[in-house]
Amino acid sequence: MTEVTGTARVITLLVVDDHPVVRDGLRGMFAAAPGFEVLGEAADGVAAVELAGRLDPDVVLMDLRMPGGGGVAAIAELTRLGARSRVLVLTTYDTDSDTLPAIEAGATGYLLKDAPRDELFTAVRAAADGRTVLSPAVASRLVSRVRTPTSPGNESLSAREREVLGLVARGTSNREIAAELFISEATVKTHLTHVFAKLGAKDRAAAVAVAYERGILG
């Protein structure tokens, strides 16, 4: 539950991610910033629901794809139980198959793991206040989805995916793309996997060709 020390409000968190390194990194990040306290950690959705009920954090930072219990099911269960905690999804994935179910299940916000630290802090504060928080890429996808429902295999690329694809078209390597966009190589590969699936392309060259053909690039 939120604590007030003097005039400063302390936002309490539960960190949910199946990777210990990610959990440690997030705990250290919030420990070093004033106004936050990490009450606990969970490695899957089932443990997250149990801990959220016991610790009553203001915000649950929830990953989505985890062995032993995914984030969407956990969000839905927290919503069903009427938990006070707000859920802020923090994940690598921004496809419709990830974003829409999470938000429909009751997530207050959706942020990608390559978000800058200050953006994450701002998002957590907003989520604690009950305000919806969406990364720009996810927001644009949701608006596009509402305006023009997409059919399978014909999904539009997110802003970040177009950015990555544009760099690929210029012959930029994954390592160079990661450095230019200040994200990890793993995140670049994830974006490219999404791009290939959405464009029906088998490799980088085919993706670029399809993108030019559809007017996504150029």
C-alpha atoms as a PDB file:
ATOM      1  CA  MET A   1       0.000   0.000   0.000  1.00  0.00           C
ATOM      2  CA  THR A   2       1.190   3.544  -0.660  1.00  0.00           C
ATOM      3  CA  GLU A   3       3.245   5.037   2.144  1.00  0.00           C
ATOM      4  CA  VAL A   4       3.603   8.737   2.860  1.00  0.00           C
ATOM      5  CA  THR A   5       6.854   9.848   4.434  1.00  0.00           C
ATOM      6  CA  GLY A   6       6.605  13.496   5.414  1.00  0.00           C
ATOM      7  CA  THR A   7       5.224  15.090   2.264  1.00  0.00           C
ATOM      8  CA  ALA A   8       6.706  12.510  -0.118  1.00  0.00           C
ATOM      9  CA  ARG A   9       4.543   9.736  -1.479  1.00  0.00           C
ATOM     10  CA  VAL A  10       6.206   6.356  -1.860  1.00  0.00           C
ATOM     11  CA  ILE A  11       4.796   4.139  -4.631  1.00  0.00           C
ATOM     12  CA  THR A  12       5.061   0.440  -3.855  1.00  0.00           C
ATOM     13  CA  LEU A  13       5.697  -2.136  -6.579  1.00  0.00           C
ATOM     14  CA  LEU A  14       5.669  -5.827  -7.345  1.00  0.00           C
ATOM     15  CA  VAL A  15       8.061  -6.859 -10.150  1.00  0.00           C
ATOM     16  CA  VAL A  16       6.943  -9.841 -12.244  1.00  0.00           C
ATOM     17  CA  ASP A  17       9.350 -11.323 -14.800  1.00  0.00           C
ATOM     18  CA  ASP A  18      10.714 -14.817 -15.404  1.00  0.00           C
ATOM     19  CA  HIS A  19      14.278 -13.525 -15.899  1.00  0.00           C
ATOM     20  CA  PRO A  20      16.171 -12.961 -12.607  1.00  0.00           C
ATOM     21  CA  VAL A  21      18.521 -10.465 -14.284  1.00  0.00           C
ATOM     22  CA  VAL A  22      15.559  -8.327 -15.377  1.00  0.00           C
ATOM     23  CA  ARG A  23      14.030  -8.443 -11.898  1.00  0.00           C
ATOM     24  CA  ASP A  24      17.350  -7.510 -10.290  1.00  0.00           C
ATOM     25  CA  GLY A  25      17.823  -4.653 -12.750  1.00  0.00           C
ATOM     26  CA  LEU A  26      14.372  -3.235 -12.116  1.00  0.00           C
ATOM     27  CA  ARG A  27      14.713  -3.583  -8.340  1.00  0.00           C
ATOM     28  CA  GLY A  28      18.056  -1.769  -8.432  1.00  0.00           C
ATOM     29  CA  MET A  29      16.691   0.941 -10.713  1.00  0.00           C
ATOM     30  CA  PHE A  30      13.742   1.707  -8.445  1.00  0.00           C
ATOM     31  CA  ALA A  31      15.838   1.416  -5.277  1.00  0.00           C
ATOM     32  CA  ALA A  32      18.116   4.145  -6.621  1.00  0.00           C
ATOM     33  CA  ALA A  33      15.200   6.480  -7.376  1.00  0.00           C
ATOM     34  CA  PRO A  34      13.324   8.402  -4.680  1.00  0.00           C
ATOM     35  CA  GLY A  35       9.635   7.723  -4.214  1.00  0.00           C
ATOM     36  CA  PHE A  36       9.555   4.005  -5.012  1.00  0.00           C
ATOM     37  CA  GLU A  37       9.739   0.788  -3.015  1.00  0.00           C
ATOM     38  CA  VAL A  38       9.797  -2.728  -4.476  1.00  0.00           C
ATOM     39  CA  LEU A  39       7.876  -4.957  -2.064  1.00  0.00           C
ATOM     40  CA  GLY A  40       8.520  -8.240  -3.856  1.00  0.00           C
ATOM     41  CA  GLU A  41       9.245 -10.195  -7.001  1.00  0.00           C
ATOM     42  CA  ALA A  42       7.525 -13.027  -8.856  1.00  0.00           C
ATOM     43  CA  ALA A  43       8.714 -15.236 -11.706  1.00  0.00           C
ATOM     44  CA  ASP A  44       5.306 -16.102 -13.150  1.00  0.00           C
ATOM     45  CA  GLY A  45       1.684 -15.024 -13.223  1.00  0.00           C
ATOM     46  CA  VAL A  46       0.455 -17.470 -10.596  1.00  0.00           C
ATOM     47  CA  ALA A  47       2.974 -16.245  -8.021  1.00  0.00           C
ATOM     48  CA  ALA A  48       2.192 -12.658  -9.040  1.00  0.00           C
ATOM     49  CA  VAL A  49      -1.489 -13.027  -8.148  1.00  0.00           C
ATOM     50  CA  GLU A  50      -0.634 -14.581  -4.778  1.00  0.00           C
ATOM     51  CA  LEU A  51       1.943 -11.910  -3.912  1.00  0.00           C
ATOM     52  CA  ALA A  52      -0.220  -9.033  -5.112  1.00  0.00           C
ATOM     53  CA  GLY A  53      -2.978 -10.218  -2.776  1.00  0.00           C
ATOM     54  CA  ARG A  54      -0.585 -10.508   0.146  1.00  0.00           C
ATOM     55  CA  LEU A  55       1.585  -7.407  -0.383  1.00  0.00           C
ATOM     56  CA  ASP A  56      -1.046  -5.069  -1.886  1.00  0.00           C
ATOM     57  CA  PRO A  57       1.380  -3.007  -4.046  1.00  0.00           C
ATOM     58  CA  ASP A  58       0.269   0.159  -5.786  1.00  0.00           C
ATOM     59  CA  VAL A  59       1.616  -1.070  -9.119  1.00  0.00           C
ATOM     60  CA  VAL A  60       2.418  -4.507 -10.538  1.00  0.00           C
ATOM     61  CA  LEU A  61       5.065  -4.410 -13.283  1.00  0.00           C
ATOM     62  CA  MET A  62       3.953  -7.407 -15.352  1.00  0.00           C
ATOM     63  CA  ASP A  63       5.806  -9.288 -18.070  1.00  0.00           C
ATOM     64  CA  LEU A  64       3.536 -11.235 -20.439  1.00  0.00           C
ATOM     65  CA  ARG A  65       5.200 -14.406 -21.696  1.00  0.00           C
ATOM     66  CA  MET A  66       6.379 -16.482 -18.732  1.00  0.00           C
ATOM     67  CA  PRO A  67       6.626 -20.240 -18.182  1.00  0.00           C
ATOM     68  CA  GLY A  68       4.355 -21.419 -15.390  1.00  0.00           C
ATOM     69  CA  GLY A  69       1.731 -18.713 -15.828  1.00  0.00           C
ATOM     70  CA  GLY A  70       1.470 -15.874 -18.328  1.00  0.00           C
ATOM     71  CA  GLY A  71       0.807 -12.216 -17.637  1.00  0.00           C
ATOM     72  CA  VAL A  72      -2.565 -11.917 -19.365  1.00  0.00           C
ATOM     73  CA  ALA A  73      -4.115 -14.677 -17.236  1.00  0.00           C
ATOM     74  CA  ALA A  74      -2.663 -13.052 -14.121  1.00  0.00           C
ATOM     75  CA  ILE A  75      -4.079  -9.644 -15.070  1.00  0.00           C
ATOM     76  CA  ALA A  76      -7.499 -11.172 -15.677  1.00  0.00           C
ATOM     77  CA  GLU A  77      -7.390 -12.932 -12.293  1.00  0.00           C
ATOM     78  CA  LEU A  78      -6.358  -9.754 -10.458  1.00  0.00           C
ATOM     79  CA  THR A  79      -9.231  -7.929 -12.154  1.00  0.00           C
ATOM     80  CA  ARG A  80     -11.658 -10.707 -11.184  1.00  0.00           C
ATOM     81  CA  LEU A  81     -10.487 -10.549  -7.573  1.00  0.00           C
ATOM     82  CA  GLY A  82     -10.955  -6.782  -7.502  1.00  0.00           C
ATOM     83  CA  ALA A  83      -7.311  -6.149  -6.597  1.00  0.00           C
ATOM     84  CA  ARG A  84      -6.435  -2.548  -5.749  1.00  0.00           C
ATOM     85  CA  SER A  85      -3.094  -2.822  -7.550  1.00  0.00           C
ATOM     86  CA  ARG A  86      -2.758  -1.273 -10.991  1.00  0.00           C
ATOM     87  CA  VAL A  87      -1.022  -3.443 -13.578  1.00  0.00           C
ATOM     88  CA  LEU A  88       1.555  -1.880 -15.873  1.00  0.00           C
ATOM     89  CA  VAL A  89       2.687  -4.333 -18.548  1.00  0.00           C
ATOM     90  CA  LEU A  90       6.435  -4.143 -19.207  1.00  0.00           C
ATOM     91  CA  THR A  91       7.367  -6.437 -22.055  1.00  0.00           C
ATOM     92  CA  THR A  92       9.300  -6.858 -25.295  1.00  0.00           C
ATOM     93  CA  TYR A  93       6.214  -7.610 -27.373  1.00  0.00           C
ATOM     94  CA  ASP A  94       3.917  -5.045 -29.010  1.00  0.00           C
ATOM     95  CA  THR A  95       1.875  -7.168 -31.423  1.00  0.00           C
ATOM     96  CA  ASP A  96      -1.930  -7.079 -31.438  1.00  0.00           C
ATOM     97  CA  SER A  97      -1.975 -10.615 -30.056  1.00  0.00           C
ATOM     98  CA  ASP A  98      -0.156  -9.331 -26.956  1.00  0.00           C
ATOM     99  CA  THR A  99      -1.403  -5.780 -26.431  1.00  0.00           C
ATOM    100  CA  LEU A 100      -5.141  -6.232 -26.926  1.00  0.00           C
ATOM    101  CA  PRO A 101      -5.651  -9.245 -24.603  1.00  0.00           C
ATOM    102  CA  ALA A 102      -3.573  -7.569 -21.861  1.00  0.00           C
ATOM    103  CA  ILE A 103      -5.546  -4.339 -22.013  1.00  0.00           C
ATOM    104  CA  GLU A 104      -8.863  -6.158 -22.320  1.00  0.00           C
ATOM    105  CA  ALA A 105      -7.902  -8.218 -19.241  1.00  0.00           C
ATOM    106  CA  GLY A 106      -7.574  -5.025 -17.207  1.00  0.00           C
ATOM    107  CA  ALA A 107      -4.015  -3.674 -17.554  1.00  0.00           C
ATOM    108  CA  THR A 108      -3.778   0.041 -16.768  1.00  0.00           C
ATOM    109  CA  GLY A 109      -0.843   0.522 -19.108  1.00  0.00           C
ATOM    110  CA  TYR A 110       1.506  -1.094 -21.577  1.00  0.00           C
ATOM    111  CA  LEU A 111       5.174  -0.190 -21.922  1.00  0.00           C
ATOM    112  CA  LEU A 112       8.020  -1.774 -23.878  1.00  0.00           C
ATOM    113  CA  LYS A 113      11.251  -2.811 -22.169  1.00  0.00           C
ATOM    114  CA  ASP A 114      13.333  -0.496 -24.322  1.00  0.00           C
ATOM    115  CA  ALA A 115      11.595   2.523 -22.763  1.00  0.00           C
ATOM    116  CA  PRO A 116      14.003   5.036 -21.164  1.00  0.00           C
ATOM    117  CA  ARG A 117      14.281   4.895 -17.378  1.00  0.00           C
ATOM    118  CA  ASP A 118      12.591   8.256 -16.805  1.00  0.00           C
ATOM    119  CA  GLU A 119       9.696   7.209 -19.048  1.00  0.00           C
ATOM    120  CA  LEU A 120       9.269   4.073 -16.933  1.00  0.00           C
ATOM    121  CA  PHE A 121       9.256   6.095 -13.709  1.00  0.00           C
ATOM    122  CA  THR A 122       6.665   8.491 -15.151  1.00  0.00           C
ATOM    123  CA  ALA A 123       4.541   5.555 -16.337  1.00  0.00           C
ATOM    124  CA  VAL A 124       4.605   3.920 -12.899  1.00  0.00           C
ATOM    125  CA  ARG A 125       3.521   7.155 -11.221  1.00  0.00           C
ATOM    126  CA  ALA A 126       0.708   7.579 -13.746  1.00  0.00           C
ATOM    127  CA  ALA A 127      -0.410   3.967 -13.326  1.00  0.00           C
ATOM    128  CA  ALA A 128      -0.448   4.380  -9.546  1.00  0.00           C
ATOM    129  CA  ASP A 129      -2.839   7.300 -10.064  1.00  0.00           C
ATOM    130  CA  GLY A 130      -5.060   5.121 -12.244  1.00  0.00           C
ATOM    131  CA  ARG A 131      -4.154   6.876 -15.483  1.00  0.00           C
ATOM    132  CA  THR A 132      -3.766   4.866 -18.680  1.00  0.00           C
ATOM    133  CA  VAL A 133      -0.181   4.638 -19.894  1.00  0.00           C
ATOM    134  CA  LEU A 134       0.684   3.380 -23.380  1.00  0.00           C
ATOM    135  CA  SER A 135       4.000   3.495 -25.204  1.00  0.00           C
ATOM    136  CA  PRO A 136       3.704   5.543 -28.428  1.00  0.00           C
ATOM    137  CA  ALA A 137       4.095   2.427 -30.576  1.00  0.00           C
ATOM    138  CA  VAL A 138       1.348   0.568 -28.728  1.00  0.00           C
ATOM    139  CA  ALA A 139      -0.963   3.597 -28.702  1.00  0.00           C
ATOM    140  CA  SER A 140      -0.661   4.021 -32.465  1.00  0.00           C
ATOM    141  CA  ARG A 141      -1.356   0.320 -32.997  1.00  0.00           C
ATOM    142  CA  LEU A 142      -4.481   0.427 -30.846  1.00  0.00           C
ATOM    143  CA  VAL A 143      -5.808   3.547 -32.581  1.00  0.00           C
ATOM    144  CA  SER A 144      -5.144   1.933 -35.951  1.00  0.00           C
ATOM    145  CA  ARG A 145      -6.831  -1.280 -34.831  1.00  0.00           C
ATOM    146  CA  VAL A 146      -9.936   0.584 -33.641  1.00  0.00           C
ATOM    147  CA  ARG A 147     -10.209   2.598 -36.843  1.00  0.00           C
ATOM    148  CA  THR A 148      -9.401  -0.228 -39.251  1.00  0.00           C
ATOM    149  CA  PRO A 149      -9.654  -3.768 -37.887  1.00  0.00           C
ATOM    150  CA  THR A 150      -6.866  -5.839 -39.384  1.00  0.00           C
ATOM    151  CA  SER A 151      -7.156  -9.272 -40.890  1.00  0.00           C
ATOM    152  CA  PRO A 152      -4.650 -12.018 -40.042  1.00  0.00           C
ATOM    153  CA  GLY A 153      -1.410 -11.619 -41.987  1.00  0.00           C
ATOM    154  CA  ASN A 154      -2.169  -7.988 -42.820  1.00  0.00           C
ATOM    155  CA  GLU A 155      -1.172  -6.200 -39.609  1.00  0.00           C
ATOM    156  CA  SER A 156       0.325  -2.733 -39.823  1.00  0.00           C
ATOM    157  CA  LEU A 157       3.854  -2.146 -38.586  1.00  0.00           C
ATOM    158  CA  SER A 158       4.407  -0.190 -35.395  1.00  0.00           C
ATOM    159  CA  ALA A 159       6.403   3.039 -35.482  1.00  0.00           C
ATOM    160  CA  ARG A 160       9.444   1.291 -34.003  1.00  0.00           C
ATOM    161  CA  GLU A 161       9.134  -1.607 -36.464  1.00  0.00           C
ATOM    162  CA  ARG A 162       9.082   0.829 -39.392  1.00  0.00           C
ATOM    163  CA  GLU A 163      12.105   2.550 -37.912  1.00  0.00           C
ATOM    164  CA  VAL A 164      14.003  -0.732 -37.635  1.00  0.00           C
ATOM    165  CA  LEU A 165      12.979  -1.790 -41.134  1.00  0.00           C
ATOM    166  CA  GLY A 166      14.087   1.563 -42.537  1.00  0.00           C
ATOM    167  CA  LEU A 167      17.539   1.005 -41.068  1.00  0.00           C
ATOM    168  CA  VAL A 168      17.609  -2.532 -42.470  1.00  0.00           C
ATOM    169  CA  ALA A 169      16.818  -1.090 -45.909  1.00  0.00           C
ATOM    170  CA  ARG A 170      19.936   1.082 -45.556  1.00  0.00           C
ATOM    171  CA  GLY A 171      22.063  -2.013 -44.941  1.00  0.00           C
ATOM    172  CA  THR A 172      22.441  -1.458 -41.198  1.00  0.00           C
ATOM    173  CA  SER A 173      23.361  -4.506 -39.104  1.00  0.00           C
ATOM    174  CA  ASN A 174      21.428  -5.566 -35.999  1.00  0.00           C
ATOM    175  CA  ARG A 175      24.283  -4.376 -33.797  1.00  0.00           C
ATOM    176  CA  GLU A 176      24.357  -0.982 -35.502  1.00  0.00           C
ATOM    177  CA  ILE A 177      20.551  -0.674 -35.281  1.00  0.00           C
ATOM    178  CA  ALA A 178      20.697  -1.470 -31.557  1.00  0.00           C
ATOM    179  CA  ALA A 179      23.336   1.215 -31.015  1.00  0.00           C
ATOM    180  CA  GLU A 180      21.468   3.828 -33.062  1.00  0.00           C
ATOM    181  CA  LEU A 181      18.109   3.231 -31.358  1.00  0.00           C
ATOM    182  CA  PHE A 182      19.579   2.633 -27.880  1.00  0.00           C
ATOM    183  CA  ILE A 183      18.000  -0.806 -27.575  1.00  0.00           C
ATOM    184  CA  SER A 184      19.450  -4.309 -27.251  1.00  0.00           C
ATOM    185  CA  GLU A 185      20.241  -6.599 -30.176  1.00  0.00           C
ATOM    186  CA  ALA A 186      17.662  -9.023 -28.771  1.00  0.00           C
ATOM    187  CA  THR A 187      15.006  -6.318 -29.035  1.00  0.00           C
ATOM    188  CA  VAL A 188      16.059  -5.598 -32.633  1.00  0.00           C
ATOM    189  CA  LYS A 189      15.678  -9.304 -33.467  1.00  0.00           C
ATOM    190  CA  THR A 190      12.246  -9.358 -31.818  1.00  0.00           C
ATOM    191  CA  HIS A 191      11.105  -6.362 -33.867  1.00  0.00           C
ATOM    192  CA  LEU A 192      12.378  -8.033 -37.057  1.00  0.00           C
ATOM    193  CA  THR A 193      10.565 -11.266 -36.190  1.00  0.00           C
ATOM    194  CA  HIS A 194       7.345  -9.265 -35.907  1.00  0.00           C
ATOM    195  CA  VAL A 195       8.085  -7.444 -39.174  1.00  0.00           C
ATOM    196  CA  PHE A 196       8.686 -10.705 -41.063  1.00  0.00           C
ATOM    197  CA  ALA A 197       5.441 -12.197 -39.729  1.00  0.00           C
ATOM    198  CA  LYS A 198       3.367  -9.123 -40.560  1.00  0.00           C
ATOM    199  CA  LEU A 199       4.792  -8.740 -44.066  1.00  0.00           C
ATOM    200  CA  GLY A 200       4.847 -12.459 -44.821  1.00  0.00           C
ATOM    201  CA  ALA A 201       8.569 -12.235 -45.524  1.00  0.00           C
ATOM    202  CA  LYS A 202      11.187 -14.932 -44.964  1.00  0.00           C
ATOM    203  CA  ASP A 203      14.202 -12.674 -44.530  1.00  0.00           C
ATOM    204  CA  ARG A 204      15.484  -9.078 -44.401  1.00  0.00           C
ATOM    205  CA  ALA A 205      15.679  -8.614 -48.159  1.00  0.00           C
ATOM    206  CA  ALA A 206      12.152  -9.902 -48.721  1.00  0.00           C
ATOM    207  CA  ALA A 207      10.813  -7.683 -45.927  1.00  0.00           C
ATOM    208  CA  VAL A 208      12.400  -4.596 -47.477  1.00  0.00           C
ATOM    209  CA  ALA A 209      11.037  -5.510 -50.916  1.00  0.00           C
ATOM    210  CA  VAL A 210       7.503  -6.006 -49.585  1.00  0.00           C
ATOM    211  CA  ALA A 211       7.729  -2.759 -47.605  1.00  0.00           C
ATOM    212  CA  TYR A 212       8.653  -0.767 -50.724  1.00  0.00           C
ATOM    213  CA  GLU A 213       5.915  -2.511 -52.688  1.00  0.00           C
ATOM    214  CA  ARG A 214       3.285  -1.572 -50.103  1.00  0.00           C
ATOM    215  CA  GLY A 215       4.558   1.961 -49.711  1.00  0.00           C
ATOM    216  CA  ILE A 216       5.685   1.439 -46.121  1.00  0.00           C
ATOM    217  CA  LEU A 217       9.171   2.578 -47.108  1.00  0.00           C
ATOM    218  CA  GLY A 218      10.094   5.118 -49.742  1.00  0.00           C
END
